[in-house]
Amino acid sequence: MPVDGFADVNGGGSMLTVKDAVQAAEDWVRDLYPKSSLKHLRLEEVQLSDDEKTWHITLGWAEAAGRSNGLAAALNREVTAPPRVYKTLEVDAEGGGVRSMKIREVDG
């Protein structure tokens, strides 16, 4: 069942292109999260399910809460990238609705 406001962005009848599926996922995430928490949002992975009914779109962004104090970093001469958050969204391949969002664990 599609999540609020994103049912049938494709008009039905044909499969979404990968670009349309990614755009639906990005729009949904931008609508859900405050703009300030989506630093450096980017596409990480795309996969079409074996039955071709669902696009699995992984998006990642820098987590603002993990950033170190600029002064402390300068004094310690540390340059540390903020940790990234990864979420995999399931997008209906026909209607374009976002069905779910899950945490994507990344080793490393």
Protein backbone atom coordinates (compact mmCIF):
# COMPACT_ATOMS: atom_id res chain seq x y z
CA MET A 1 0.00 0.00 0.00
CA PRO A 2 1.56 3.35 -1.03
CA VAL A 3 2.45 5.86 1.66
CA ASP A 4 0.62 9.21 1.92
CA GLY A 5 0.65 11.43 -1.12
CA PHE A 6 2.64 9.21 -3.45
CA ALA A 7 0.09 6.84 -4.92
CA ASP A 8 0.24 6.36 -8.66
CA VAL A 9 2.71 9.07 -9.75
CA ASN A 10 3.04 7.24 -13.07
CA GLY A 11 -0.64 7.24 -14.00
CA GLY A 12 -0.70 3.42 -13.96
CA GLY A 13 -0.33 0.85 -16.71
CA SER A 14 3.40 0.88 -17.41
CA MET A 15 6.57 0.36 -15.42
CA LEU A 16 8.38 3.39 -14.00
CA THR A 17 11.79 4.17 -15.42
CA VAL A 18 14.68 4.02 -13.01
CA LYS A 19 14.88 7.84 -13.08
CA ASP A 20 11.20 8.16 -12.13
CA ALA A 21 11.60 5.62 -9.31
CA VAL A 22 14.63 7.45 -7.92
CA GLN A 23 12.80 10.79 -8.14
CA ALA A 24 9.79 9.34 -6.28
CA ALA A 25 12.10 8.06 -3.52
CA GLU A 26 13.98 11.37 -3.25
CA ASP A 27 10.76 13.39 -3.17
CA TRP A 28 9.34 11.15 -0.45
CA VAL A 29 12.48 11.43 1.72
CA ARG A 30 12.65 15.21 1.26
CA ASP A 31 9.00 15.47 2.30
CA LEU A 32 9.57 13.30 5.39
CA TYR A 33 12.79 14.78 6.78
CA PRO A 34 13.64 18.40 7.59
CA LYS A 35 15.86 19.99 4.95
CA SER A 36 18.62 20.56 7.50
CA SER A 37 19.01 16.82 8.15
CA LEU A 38 19.52 15.83 4.47
CA LYS A 39 23.05 17.06 3.87
CA HIS A 40 24.66 15.66 0.74
CA LEU A 41 21.72 13.46 -0.29
CA ARG A 42 22.75 11.08 -3.06
CA LEU A 43 21.72 7.91 -4.81
CA GLU A 44 23.68 4.88 -3.60
CA GLU A 45 22.03 1.76 -5.09
CA VAL A 46 19.17 0.78 -7.41
CA GLN A 47 17.72 -2.67 -7.94
CA LEU A 48 14.59 -3.91 -9.66
CA SER A 49 12.98 -6.92 -7.95
CA ASP A 50 12.99 -10.27 -9.76
CA ASP A 51 9.24 -10.00 -10.38
CA GLU A 52 9.75 -6.43 -11.69
CA LYS A 53 7.07 -5.06 -9.34
CA THR A 54 9.31 -3.10 -6.97
CA TRP A 55 12.28 -0.77 -7.30
CA HIS A 56 14.68 -0.91 -4.32
CA ILE A 57 16.28 2.53 -4.10
CA THR A 58 19.04 3.19 -1.55
CA LEU A 59 19.69 6.84 -0.69
CA GLY A 60 22.41 8.13 1.59
CA TRP A 61 23.09 11.42 3.33
CA ALA A 62 25.48 12.88 5.89
CA GLU A 63 24.26 12.66 9.45
CA ALA A 64 24.45 16.13 10.96
CA ALA A 65 24.36 14.90 14.58
CA GLY A 66 27.68 13.07 14.22
CA ARG A 67 29.69 16.14 13.25
CA SER A 68 32.53 17.20 15.51
CA ASN A 69 33.01 20.75 16.74
CA GLY A 70 34.92 22.81 14.16
CA LEU A 71 37.26 24.28 16.78
CA ALA A 72 38.02 20.88 18.30
CA ALA A 73 38.71 19.46 14.87
CA ALA A 74 41.04 22.37 14.04
CA LEU A 75 42.96 22.00 17.31
CA ASN A 76 43.34 18.26 16.84
CA ARG A 77 43.98 18.73 13.14
CA GLU A 78 41.30 16.16 12.45
CA VAL A 79 39.35 16.10 9.26
CA THR A 80 36.53 13.64 9.70
CA ALA A 81 33.63 13.23 7.33
CA PRO A 82 30.29 13.04 9.08
CA PRO A 83 28.85 9.52 9.18
CA ARG A 84 26.42 8.65 6.39
CA VAL A 85 22.91 7.32 6.85
CA TYR A 86 21.62 4.82 4.30
CA LYS A 87 17.94 4.04 3.70
CA THR A 88 16.45 1.61 1.20
CA LEU A 89 13.04 2.56 -0.12
CA GLU A 90 10.69 0.19 -1.90
CA VAL A 91 8.95 2.00 -4.75
CA ASP A 92 6.03 0.43 -6.62
CA ALA A 93 7.33 -0.10 -10.16
CA GLU A 94 3.97 0.61 -11.73
CA GLY A 95 2.33 3.33 -9.64
CA GLY A 96 5.42 4.97 -8.16
CA GLY A 97 4.22 4.94 -4.55
CA VAL A 98 6.75 4.42 -1.77
CA ARG A 99 5.79 1.23 0.07
CA SER A 100 8.46 1.18 2.76
CA MET A 101 11.73 2.62 4.00
CA LYS A 102 14.30 0.54 5.88
CA ILE A 103 17.70 1.18 7.41
CA ARG A 104 20.47 -0.08 5.14
CA GLU A 105 23.37 -1.39 7.19
CA VAL A 106 26.80 -0.89 5.61
CA ASP A 107 29.94 -2.66 6.79
CA GLY A 108 33.01 -0.59 7.25
